[in-house]
PDB file of N, CA and C in Angstrom:
ATOM      1  N   MET A   1      25.558  17.360  -3.961  1.00  0.00           N
ATOM      2  CA  MET A   1      24.302  18.508  -4.286  1.00  0.00           C
ATOM      3  C   MET A   1      23.422  17.611  -4.413  1.00  0.00           C
ATOM      4  N   LEU A   2      23.146  16.373  -5.853  1.00  0.00           N
ATOM      5  CA  LEU A   2      22.053  16.155  -6.256  1.00  0.00           C
ATOM      6  C   LEU A   2      21.940  14.883  -5.279  1.00  0.00           C
ATOM      7  N   MET A   3      22.999  14.077  -5.162  1.00  0.00           N
ATOM      8  CA  MET A   3      22.478  13.063  -4.383  1.00  0.00           C
ATOM      9  C   MET A   3      21.786  13.828  -3.007  1.00  0.00           C
ATOM     10  N   ILE A   4      22.875  14.393  -2.657  1.00  0.00           N
ATOM     11  CA  ILE A   4      21.734  15.399  -0.904  1.00  0.00           C
ATOM     12  C   ILE A   4      20.223  15.456  -0.872  1.00  0.00           C
ATOM     13  N   LEU A   5      19.625  15.948  -2.167  1.00  0.00           N
ATOM     14  CA  LEU A   5      18.227  16.258  -2.143  1.00  0.00           C
ATOM     15  C   LEU A   5      17.968  14.784  -3.009  1.00  0.00           C
ATOM     16  N   SER A   6      18.468  13.701  -3.613  1.00  0.00           N
ATOM     17  CA  SER A   6      17.612  12.881  -4.380  1.00  0.00           C
ATOM     18  C   SER A   6      17.413  11.410  -3.393  1.00  0.00           C
ATOM     19  N   LYS A   7      18.296  11.770  -2.838  1.00  0.00           N
ATOM     20  CA  LYS A   7      17.843  10.977  -1.630  1.00  0.00           C
ATOM     21  C   LYS A   7      16.889  10.312  -0.691  1.00  0.00           C
ATOM     22  N   PRO A   8      16.639  11.133  -0.177  1.00  0.00           N
ATOM     23  CA  PRO A   8      15.845  11.717   0.715  1.00  0.00           C
ATOM     24  C   PRO A   8      14.203  11.749  -0.633  1.00  0.00           C
ATOM     25  N   LEU A   9      14.230  11.713  -1.222  1.00  0.00           N
ATOM     26  CA  LEU A   9      13.305  12.291  -2.852  1.00  0.00           C
ATOM     27  C   LEU A   9      13.191  10.830  -2.651  1.00  0.00           C
ATOM     28  N   ILE A  10      13.695   9.863  -2.838  1.00  0.00           N
ATOM     29  CA  ILE A  10      13.955   8.661  -3.097  1.00  0.00           C
ATOM     30  C   ILE A  10      12.978   8.103  -2.228  1.00  0.00           C
ATOM     31  N   THR A  11      14.100   7.760  -0.972  1.00  0.00           N
ATOM     32  CA  THR A  11      13.212   7.789   0.314  1.00  0.00           C
ATOM     33  C   THR A  11      11.768   7.868   0.548  1.00  0.00           C
ATOM     34  N   PHE A  12      10.872   9.225   0.082  1.00  0.00           N
ATOM     35  CA  PHE A  12       9.603   9.477   0.293  1.00  0.00           C
ATOM     36  C   PHE A  12       9.222   8.688  -0.829  1.00  0.00           C
ATOM     37  N   VAL A  13       9.545   8.829  -2.017  1.00  0.00           N
ATOM     38  CA  VAL A  13       8.285   7.829  -2.906  1.00  0.00           C
ATOM     39  C   VAL A  13       8.538   6.274  -2.302  1.00  0.00           C
ATOM     40  N   VAL A  14       9.488   5.646  -2.107  1.00  0.00           N
ATOM     41  CA  VAL A  14       9.402   4.485  -2.056  1.00  0.00           C
ATOM     42  C   VAL A  14       8.089   3.626  -0.224  1.00  0.00           C
ATOM     43  N   LYS A  15       8.447   5.081   0.671  1.00  0.00           N
ATOM     44  CA  LYS A  15       7.443   4.713   1.780  1.00  0.00           C
ATOM     45  C   LYS A  15       5.827   4.689   0.844  1.00  0.00           C
ATOM     46  N   GLU A  16       6.034   5.916  -0.228  1.00  0.00           N
ATOM     47  CA  GLU A  16       4.602   6.060  -0.150  1.00  0.00           C
ATOM     48  C   GLU A  16       4.297   5.306  -0.719  1.00  0.00           C
ATOM     49  N   TYR A  17       4.843   4.574  -1.980  1.00  0.00           N
ATOM     50  CA  TYR A  17       4.625   3.707  -2.865  1.00  0.00           C
ATOM     51  C   TYR A  17       4.400   1.830  -2.028  1.00  0.00           C
ATOM     52  N   LEU A  18       5.315   2.052  -1.035  1.00  0.00           N
ATOM     53  CA  LEU A  18       4.734   0.499  -0.049  1.00  0.00           C
ATOM     54  C   LEU A  18       3.617   1.226   0.444  1.00  0.00           C
ATOM     55  N   PHE A  19       3.344   1.944   1.338  1.00  0.00           N
ATOM     56  CA  PHE A  19       2.139   2.857   1.994  1.00  0.00           C
ATOM     57  C   PHE A  19       0.679   2.459   0.779  1.00  0.00           C
ATOM     58  N   ASP A  20       0.826   2.948   0.147  1.00  0.00           N
ATOM     59  CA  ASP A  20      -0.561   3.127  -0.982  1.00  0.00           C
ATOM     60  C   ASP A  20      -0.127   1.058  -1.038  1.00  0.00           C
ATOM     61  N   THR A  21       0.958   0.721  -1.656  1.00  0.00           N
ATOM     62  CA  THR A  21       0.352  -0.853  -1.954  1.00  0.00           C
ATOM     63  C   THR A  21       0.537  -1.741  -0.398  1.00  0.00           C
ATOM     64  N   CYS A  22       0.426  -0.972   0.431  1.00  0.00           N
ATOM     65  CA  CYS A  22      -0.237  -1.712   2.035  1.00  0.00           C
ATOM     66  C   CYS A  22      -1.770  -1.751   1.948  1.00  0.00           C
ATOM     67  N   LEU A  23      -2.546  -0.705   1.410  1.00  0.00           N
ATOM     68  CA  LEU A  23      -3.482   0.460   1.628  1.00  0.00           C
ATOM     69  C   LEU A  23      -4.487  -1.345   0.512  1.00  0.00           C
ATOM     70  N   THR A  24      -3.826  -1.068  -0.666  1.00  0.00           N
ATOM     71  CA  THR A  24      -4.203  -2.238  -1.593  1.00  0.00           C
ATOM     72  C   THR A  24      -4.306  -3.404  -1.384  1.00  0.00           C
ATOM     73  N   ALA A  25      -3.469  -3.912  -0.404  1.00  0.00           N
ATOM     74  CA  ALA A  25      -3.701  -5.439  -0.200  1.00  0.00           C
ATOM     75  C   ALA A  25      -5.266  -5.127   1.029  1.00  0.00           C
ATOM     76  N   GLN A  26      -4.948  -4.369   1.901  1.00  0.00           N
ATOM     77  CA  GLN A  26      -5.774  -3.902   2.549  1.00  0.00           C
ATOM     78  C   GLN A  26      -7.136  -4.332   2.295  1.00  0.00           C
ATOM     79  N   ASP A  27      -7.299  -3.444   1.295  1.00  0.00           N
ATOM     80  CA  ASP A  27      -8.707  -3.357   0.566  1.00  0.00           C
ATOM     81  C   ASP A  27      -9.402  -4.773  -0.074  1.00  0.00           C
ATOM     82  N   ASN A  28      -7.880  -4.937  -0.728  1.00  0.00           N
ATOM     83  CA  ASN A  28      -8.094  -6.773  -1.194  1.00  0.00           C
ATOM     84  C   ASN A  28      -8.337  -7.296  -0.031  1.00  0.00           C
ATOM     85  N   TYR A  29      -8.037  -7.640   0.968  1.00  0.00           N
ATOM     86  CA  TYR A  29      -7.782  -8.554   2.133  1.00  0.00           C
ATOM     87  C   TYR A  29      -9.278  -8.566   2.712  1.00  0.00           C
ATOM     88  N   LYS A  30     -10.609  -6.750   2.754  1.00  0.00           N
ATOM     89  CA  LYS A  30     -11.261  -7.118   3.397  1.00  0.00           C
ATOM     90  C   LYS A  30     -12.613  -7.283   1.986  1.00  0.00           C
ATOM     91  N   THR A  31     -12.496  -6.875   0.586  1.00  0.00           N
ATOM     92  CA  THR A  31     -13.320  -7.767  -0.021  1.00  0.00           C
ATOM     93  C   THR A  31     -13.249  -9.419  -0.423  1.00  0.00           C
ATOM     94  N   VAL A  32     -12.166  -9.940  -0.102  1.00  0.00           N
ATOM     95  CA  VAL A  32     -12.717 -10.688   0.454  1.00  0.00           C
ATOM     96  C   VAL A  32     -12.786 -11.644   1.391  1.00  0.00           C
ATOM     97  N   LEU A  33     -12.546 -11.176   2.173  1.00  0.00           N
ATOM     98  CA  LEU A  33     -13.686 -11.760   3.631  1.00  0.00           C
ATOM     99  C   LEU A  33     -14.913 -11.143   2.916  1.00  0.00           C
ATOM    100  N   GLY A  34     -15.189  -9.444   2.124  1.00  0.00           N
ATOM    101  CA  GLY A  34     -16.946  -9.854   2.910  1.00  0.00           C
ATOM    102  C   GLY A  34     -16.786 -10.926   1.863  1.00  0.00           C
ATOM    103  N   TYR A  35     -16.291 -10.951   0.595  1.00  0.00           N
ATOM    104  CA  TYR A  35     -17.273 -12.444  -0.477  1.00  0.00           C
ATOM    105  C   TYR A  35     -16.946 -13.374   0.757  1.00  0.00           C
ATOM    106  N   PHE A  36     -16.325 -14.237   1.597  1.00  0.00           N
ATOM    107  CA  PHE A  36     -16.692 -15.303   2.073  1.00  0.00           C
ATOM    108  C   PHE A  36     -17.952 -14.984   3.691  1.00  0.00           C
ATOM    109  N   GLU A  37     -17.962 -13.859   3.959  1.00  0.00           N
ATOM    110  CA  GLU A  37     -19.117 -13.535   4.958  1.00  0.00           C
ATOM    111  C   GLU A  37     -20.739 -13.510   4.355  1.00  0.00           C
ATOM    112  N   ILE A  38     -20.484 -13.673   2.514  1.00  0.00           N
ATOM    113  CA  ILE A  38     -21.319 -13.591   1.773  1.00  0.00           C
ATOM    114  C   ILE A  38     -22.189 -15.421   2.152  1.00  0.00           C
ATOM    115  N   ASP A  39     -21.150 -16.431   1.464  1.00  0.00           N
ATOM    116  CA  ASP A  39     -21.071 -17.165   1.165  1.00  0.00           C
ATOM    117  C   ASP A  39     -21.079 -18.365   2.410  1.00  0.00           C
ATOM    118  N   LEU A  40     -20.789 -17.769   3.849  1.00  0.00           N
ATOM    119  CA  LEU A  40     -21.530 -18.375   5.049  1.00  0.00           C
ATOM    120  C   LEU A  40     -22.818 -17.782   5.011  1.00  0.00           C
ATOM    121  N   GLU A  41     -23.604 -16.579   5.029  1.00  0.00           N
ATOM    122  CA  GLU A  41     -24.281 -16.485   4.959  1.00  0.00           C
ATOM    123  C   GLU A  41     -25.463 -17.205   4.254  1.00  0.00           C
TER     124      GLU A  41
END
């Protein structure tokens, strides 16, 4: 019973972690683009 309950929980945590990582990477990418735009001006 514990295995059945814990597997979806682990899957959920992993998905949340990957989603947060993607958002962080996107923010970093936008920040880098912002620096380049400032440099080009």
